[in-house]
Amino acid sequence: MPVRLHEVALVLALVLLLIIAKHTPVAGLLPLTQITGIVCFAFAIFLSLRLFQLELARLRAED
């Protein structure tokens, strides 16, 4: 399975926490929007590399 449930849940919880923290007065001055974007982009890269790795293993198994 290319996606593990606990990894996705962890990233979604982190993104949700960052979005909630963005609307609190204490963390209002932090660049949480940019941090959230970086987390989402990094996870997208992680997932694409995992899919690439699985596809590469499948192609190698065929040979």
PDB file of N, CA and C in Angstrom:
ATOM      1  N   MET A   1       0.848  -1.175   0.000  1.00  0.00           N
ATOM      2  CA  MET A   1       0.000   0.000   0.000  1.00  0.00           C
ATOM      3  C   MET A   1       0.899   1.246   0.000  1.00  0.00           C
ATOM      4  N   PRO A   2       0.720   2.136  -0.942  1.00  0.00           N
ATOM      5  CA  PRO A   2       1.622   3.282  -1.046  1.00  0.00           C
ATOM      6  C   PRO A   2       1.417   4.325   0.047  1.00  0.00           C
ATOM      7  N   VAL A   3       0.264   4.364   0.664  1.00  0.00           N
ATOM      8  CA  VAL A   3      -0.012   5.371   1.687  1.00  0.00           C
ATOM      9  C   VAL A   3      -0.342   4.663   2.993  1.00  0.00           C
ATOM     10  N   ARG A   4       0.361   5.039   4.035  1.00  0.00           N
ATOM     11  CA  ARG A   4       0.078   4.490   5.357  1.00  0.00           C
ATOM     12  C   ARG A   4      -0.814   5.462   6.111  1.00  0.00           C
ATOM     13  N   LEU A   5      -1.831   4.929   6.735  1.00  0.00           N
ATOM     14  CA  LEU A   5      -2.844   5.749   7.373  1.00  0.00           C
ATOM     15  C   LEU A   5      -2.261   6.625   8.481  1.00  0.00           C
ATOM     16  N   HIS A   6      -1.352   6.088   9.270  1.00  0.00           N
ATOM     17  CA  HIS A   6      -0.823   6.880  10.380  1.00  0.00           C
ATOM     18  C   HIS A   6       0.031   8.048   9.885  1.00  0.00           C
ATOM     19  N   GLU A   7       0.703   7.896   8.744  1.00  0.00           N
ATOM     20  CA  GLU A   7       1.495   9.006   8.205  1.00  0.00           C
ATOM     21  C   GLU A   7       0.586  10.130   7.719  1.00  0.00           C
ATOM     22  N   VAL A   8      -0.474   9.762   7.029  1.00  0.00           N
ATOM     23  CA  VAL A   8      -1.417  10.767   6.529  1.00  0.00           C
ATOM     24  C   VAL A   8      -2.112  11.459   7.686  1.00  0.00           C
ATOM     25  N   ALA A   9      -2.524  10.699   8.680  1.00  0.00           N
ATOM     26  CA  ALA A   9      -3.202  11.278   9.834  1.00  0.00           C
ATOM     27  C   ALA A   9      -2.275  12.224  10.592  1.00  0.00           C
ATOM     28  N   LEU A  10      -1.016  11.880  10.704  1.00  0.00           N
ATOM     29  CA  LEU A  10      -0.064  12.735  11.398  1.00  0.00           C
ATOM     30  C   LEU A  10       0.112  14.066  10.670  1.00  0.00           C
ATOM     31  N   VAL A  11       0.253  14.023   9.369  1.00  0.00           N
ATOM     32  CA  VAL A  11       0.429  15.257   8.600  1.00  0.00           C
ATOM     33  C   VAL A  11      -0.850  16.092   8.624  1.00  0.00           C
ATOM     34  N   LEU A  12      -2.000  15.461   8.486  1.00  0.00           N
ATOM     35  CA  LEU A  12      -3.254  16.211   8.548  1.00  0.00           C
ATOM     36  C   LEU A  12      -3.461  16.852   9.920  1.00  0.00           C
ATOM     37  N   ALA A  13      -3.083  16.155  10.973  1.00  0.00           N
ATOM     38  CA  ALA A  13      -3.190  16.723  12.315  1.00  0.00           C
ATOM     39  C   ALA A  13      -2.240  17.912  12.470  1.00  0.00           C
ATOM     40  N   LEU A  14      -1.047  17.804  11.934  1.00  0.00           N
ATOM     41  CA  LEU A  14      -0.093  18.911  12.000  1.00  0.00           C
ATOM     42  C   LEU A  14      -0.601  20.124  11.241  1.00  0.00           C
ATOM     43  N   VAL A  15      -1.138  19.902  10.046  1.00  0.00           N
ATOM     44  CA  VAL A  15      -1.680  21.008   9.255  1.00  0.00           C
ATOM     45  C   VAL A  15      -2.871  21.645   9.964  1.00  0.00           C
ATOM     46  N   LEU A  16      -3.741  20.832  10.529  1.00  0.00           N
ATOM     47  CA  LEU A  16      -4.882  21.359  11.270  1.00  0.00           C
ATOM     48  C   LEU A  16      -4.421  22.169  12.478  1.00  0.00           C
ATOM     49  N   LEU A  17      -3.418  21.684  13.180  1.00  0.00           N
ATOM     50  CA  LEU A  17      -2.875  22.404  14.327  1.00  0.00           C
ATOM     51  C   LEU A  17      -2.279  23.739  13.907  1.00  0.00           C
ATOM     52  N   LEU A  18      -1.573  23.770  12.781  1.00  0.00           N
ATOM     53  CA  LEU A  18      -0.993  25.021  12.296  1.00  0.00           C
ATOM     54  C   LEU A  18      -2.073  26.013  11.884  1.00  0.00           C
ATOM     55  N   ILE A  19      -3.143  25.522  11.277  1.00  0.00           N
ATOM     56  CA  ILE A  19      -4.241  26.411  10.872  1.00  0.00           C
ATOM     57  C   ILE A  19      -4.947  26.977  12.102  1.00  0.00           C
ATOM     58  N   ILE A  20      -5.161  26.147  13.099  1.00  0.00           N
ATOM     59  CA  ILE A  20      -5.796  26.630  14.333  1.00  0.00           C
ATOM     60  C   ILE A  20      -4.891  27.622  15.043  1.00  0.00           C
ATOM     61  N   ALA A  21      -3.592  27.336  15.082  1.00  0.00           N
ATOM     62  CA  ALA A  21      -2.652  28.233  15.753  1.00  0.00           C
ATOM     63  C   ALA A  21      -2.554  29.582  15.045  1.00  0.00           C
ATOM     64  N   LYS A  22      -2.814  29.594  13.758  1.00  0.00           N
ATOM     65  CA  LYS A  22      -2.761  30.841  12.995  1.00  0.00           C
ATOM     66  C   LYS A  22      -3.797  31.841  13.494  1.00  0.00           C
ATOM     67  N   HIS A  23      -4.903  31.351  14.004  1.00  0.00           N
ATOM     68  CA  HIS A  23      -5.994  32.217  14.435  1.00  0.00           C
ATOM     69  C   HIS A  23      -5.959  32.538  15.928  1.00  0.00           C
ATOM     70  N   THR A  24      -4.889  32.171  16.609  1.00  0.00           N
ATOM     71  CA  THR A  24      -4.754  32.534  18.019  1.00  0.00           C
ATOM     72  C   THR A  24      -3.912  33.798  18.128  1.00  0.00           C
ATOM     73  N   PRO A  25      -4.196  34.658  19.075  1.00  0.00           N
ATOM     74  CA  PRO A  25      -3.448  35.906  19.194  1.00  0.00           C
ATOM     75  C   PRO A  25      -1.982  35.703  19.572  1.00  0.00           C
ATOM     76  N   VAL A  26      -1.687  34.644  20.299  1.00  0.00           N
ATOM     77  CA  VAL A  26      -0.311  34.411  20.747  1.00  0.00           C
ATOM     78  C   VAL A  26       0.617  34.117  19.566  1.00  0.00           C
ATOM     79  N   ALA A  27       0.135  33.335  18.624  1.00  0.00           N
ATOM     80  CA  ALA A  27       0.958  32.929  17.483  1.00  0.00           C
ATOM     81  C   ALA A  27       0.647  33.752  16.234  1.00  0.00           C
ATOM     82  N   GLY A  28       0.002  34.886  16.408  1.00  0.00           N
ATOM     83  CA  GLY A  28      -0.401  35.689  15.277  1.00  0.00           C
ATOM     84  C   GLY A  28       0.758  36.275  14.479  1.00  0.00           C
ATOM     85  N   LEU A  29       1.898  36.449  15.110  1.00  0.00           N
ATOM     86  CA  LEU A  29       3.037  37.064  14.422  1.00  0.00           C
ATOM     87  C   LEU A  29       3.942  36.052  13.719  1.00  0.00           C
ATOM     88  N   LEU A  30       3.700  34.775  13.925  1.00  0.00           N
ATOM     89  CA  LEU A  30       4.523  33.749  13.285  1.00  0.00           C
ATOM     90  C   LEU A  30       4.053  33.500  11.850  1.00  0.00           C
ATOM     91  N   PRO A  31       4.962  33.115  10.963  1.00  0.00           N
ATOM     92  CA  PRO A  31       4.564  32.855   9.565  1.00  0.00           C
ATOM     93  C   PRO A  31       3.952  31.460   9.395  1.00  0.00           C
ATOM     94  N   LEU A  32       2.842  31.216  10.051  1.00  0.00           N
ATOM     95  CA  LEU A  32       2.246  29.881  10.062  1.00  0.00           C
ATOM     96  C   LEU A  32       1.660  29.490   8.716  1.00  0.00           C
ATOM     97  N   THR A  33       1.228  30.462   7.930  1.00  0.00           N
ATOM     98  CA  THR A  33       0.694  30.145   6.604  1.00  0.00           C
ATOM     99  C   THR A  33       1.797  29.570   5.720  1.00  0.00           C
ATOM    100  N   GLN A  34       2.962  30.181   5.769  1.00  0.00           N
ATOM    101  CA  GLN A  34       4.080  29.686   4.977  1.00  0.00           C
ATOM    102  C   GLN A  34       4.565  28.330   5.478  1.00  0.00           C
ATOM    103  N   ILE A  35       4.571  28.146   6.780  1.00  0.00           N
ATOM    104  CA  ILE A  35       4.993  26.862   7.351  1.00  0.00           C
ATOM    105  C   ILE A  35       4.013  25.762   6.934  1.00  0.00           C
ATOM    106  N   THR A  36       2.726  26.078   6.946  1.00  0.00           N
ATOM    107  CA  THR A  36       1.719  25.102   6.525  1.00  0.00           C
ATOM    108  C   THR A  36       1.917  24.722   5.064  1.00  0.00           C
ATOM    109  N   GLY A  37       2.198  25.698   4.227  1.00  0.00           N
ATOM    110  CA  GLY A  37       2.457  25.419   2.811  1.00  0.00           C
ATOM    111  C   GLY A  37       3.679  24.551   2.610  1.00  0.00           C
ATOM    112  N   ILE A  38       4.713  24.806   3.378  1.00  0.00           N
ATOM    113  CA  ILE A  38       5.933  24.004   3.272  1.00  0.00           C
ATOM    114  C   ILE A  38       5.671  22.569   3.713  1.00  0.00           C
ATOM    115  N   VAL A  39       4.917  22.391   4.790  1.00  0.00           N
ATOM    116  CA  VAL A  39       4.585  21.043   5.268  1.00  0.00           C
ATOM    117  C   VAL A  39       3.781  20.282   4.212  1.00  0.00           C
ATOM    118  N   CYS A  40       2.790  20.942   3.624  1.00  0.00           N
ATOM    119  CA  CYS A  40       1.971  20.286   2.601  1.00  0.00           C
ATOM    120  C   CYS A  40       2.793  19.935   1.372  1.00  0.00           C
ATOM    121  N   PHE A  41       3.647  20.850   0.946  1.00  0.00           N
ATOM    122  CA  PHE A  41       4.481  20.601  -0.231  1.00  0.00           C
ATOM    123  C   PHE A  41       5.476  19.477   0.033  1.00  0.00           C
ATOM    124  N   ALA A  42       6.077  19.463   1.209  1.00  0.00           N
ATOM    125  CA  ALA A  42       7.031  18.408   1.548  1.00  0.00           C
ATOM    126  C   ALA A  42       6.345  17.044   1.608  1.00  0.00           C
ATOM    127  N   PHE A  43       5.129  16.999   2.133  1.00  0.00           N
ATOM    128  CA  PHE A  43       4.417  15.727   2.189  1.00  0.00           C
ATOM    129  C   PHE A  43       4.024  15.258   0.792  1.00  0.00           C
ATOM    130  N   ALA A  44       3.674  16.189  -0.076  1.00  0.00           N
ATOM    131  CA  ALA A  44       3.367  15.819  -1.459  1.00  0.00           C
ATOM    132  C   ALA A  44       4.594  15.231  -2.146  1.00  0.00           C
ATOM    133  N   ILE A  45       5.762  15.808  -1.903  1.00  0.00           N
ATOM    134  CA  ILE A  45       6.996  15.261  -2.459  1.00  0.00           C
ATOM    135  C   ILE A  45       7.261  13.871  -1.890  1.00  0.00           C
ATOM    136  N   PHE A  46       7.061  13.712  -0.588  1.00  0.00           N
ATOM    137  CA  PHE A  46       7.259  12.414   0.055  1.00  0.00           C
ATOM    138  C   PHE A  46       6.364  11.347  -0.560  1.00  0.00           C
ATOM    139  N   LEU A  47       5.092  11.681  -0.758  1.00  0.00           N
ATOM    140  CA  LEU A  47       4.164  10.714  -1.345  1.00  0.00           C
ATOM    141  C   LEU A  47       4.526  10.388  -2.790  1.00  0.00           C
ATOM    142  N   SER A  48       4.923  11.389  -3.548  1.00  0.00           N
ATOM    143  CA  SER A  48       5.278  11.125  -4.944  1.00  0.00           C
ATOM    144  C   SER A  48       6.535  10.258  -5.032  1.00  0.00           C
ATOM    145  N   LEU A  49       7.489  10.475  -4.151  1.00  0.00           N
ATOM    146  CA  LEU A  49       8.682   9.620  -4.154  1.00  0.00           C
ATOM    147  C   LEU A  49       8.360   8.189  -3.735  1.00  0.00           C
ATOM    148  N   ARG A  50       7.423   8.036  -2.808  1.00  0.00           N
ATOM    149  CA  ARG A  50       7.020   6.686  -2.415  1.00  0.00           C
ATOM    150  C   ARG A  50       6.335   5.975  -3.580  1.00  0.00           C
ATOM    151  N   LEU A  51       5.452   6.671  -4.298  1.00  0.00           N
ATOM    152  CA  LEU A  51       4.798   6.069  -5.463  1.00  0.00           C
ATOM    153  C   LEU A  51       5.817   5.729  -6.544  1.00  0.00           C
ATOM    154  N   PHE A  52       6.802   6.595  -6.728  1.00  0.00           N
ATOM    155  CA  PHE A  52       7.850   6.330  -7.705  1.00  0.00           C
ATOM    156  C   PHE A  52       8.656   5.098  -7.313  1.00  0.00           C
ATOM    157  N   GLN A  53       8.962   4.967  -6.039  1.00  0.00           N
ATOM    158  CA  GLN A  53       9.719   3.818  -5.547  1.00  0.00           C
ATOM    159  C   GLN A  53       8.943   2.521  -5.767  1.00  0.00           C
ATOM    160  N   LEU A  54       7.643   2.541  -5.494  1.00  0.00           N
ATOM    161  CA  LEU A  54       6.831   1.340  -5.707  1.00  0.00           C
ATOM    162  C   LEU A  54       6.740   0.982  -7.187  1.00  0.00           C
ATOM    163  N   GLU A  55       6.588   1.979  -8.030  1.00  0.00           N
ATOM    164  CA  GLU A  55       6.518   1.718  -9.462  1.00  0.00           C
ATOM    165  C   GLU A  55       7.842   1.203  -9.991  1.00  0.00           C
ATOM    166  N   LEU A  56       8.935   1.754  -9.499  1.00  0.00           N
ATOM    167  CA  LEU A  56      10.257   1.288  -9.913  1.00  0.00           C
ATOM    168  C   LEU A  56      10.490  -0.158  -9.473  1.00  0.00           C
ATOM    169  N   ALA A  57      10.056  -0.511  -8.280  1.00  0.00           N
ATOM    170  CA  ALA A  57      10.189  -1.888  -7.808  1.00  0.00           C
ATOM    171  C   ALA A  57       9.338  -2.837  -8.645  1.00  0.00           C
ATOM    172  N   ARG A  58       8.159  -2.367  -9.034  1.00  0.00           N
ATOM    173  CA  ARG A  58       7.300  -3.207  -9.888  1.00  0.00           C
ATOM    174  C   ARG A  58       7.935  -3.426 -11.262  1.00  0.00           C
ATOM    175  N   LEU A  59       8.509  -2.400 -11.811  1.00  0.00           N
ATOM    176  CA  LEU A  59       9.154  -2.529 -13.126  1.00  0.00           C
ATOM    177  C   LEU A  59      10.386  -3.451 -13.060  1.00  0.00           C
ATOM    178  N   ARG A  60      11.130  -3.348 -11.983  1.00  0.00           N
ATOM    179  CA  ARG A  60      12.306  -4.205 -11.825  1.00  0.00           C
ATOM    180  C   ARG A  60      11.915  -5.665 -11.623  1.00  0.00           C
ATOM    181  N   ALA A  61      10.764  -5.898 -10.981  1.00  0.00           N
ATOM    182  CA  ALA A  61      10.296  -7.263 -10.750  1.00  0.00           C
ATOM    183  C   ALA A  61       9.850  -7.919 -12.058  1.00  0.00           C
ATOM    184  N   GLU A  62       9.401  -7.113 -13.009  1.00  0.00           N
ATOM    185  CA  GLU A  62       8.974  -7.650 -14.291  1.00  0.00           C
ATOM    186  C   GLU A  62      10.145  -8.148 -15.136  1.00  0.00           C
ATOM    187  N   ASP A  63      11.317  -7.541 -14.944  1.00  0.00           N
ATOM    188  CA  ASP A  63      12.482  -7.927 -15.751  1.00  0.00           C
ATOM    189  C   ASP A  63      13.093  -9.228 -15.345  1.00  0.00           C
TER     190      ASP A  63
END
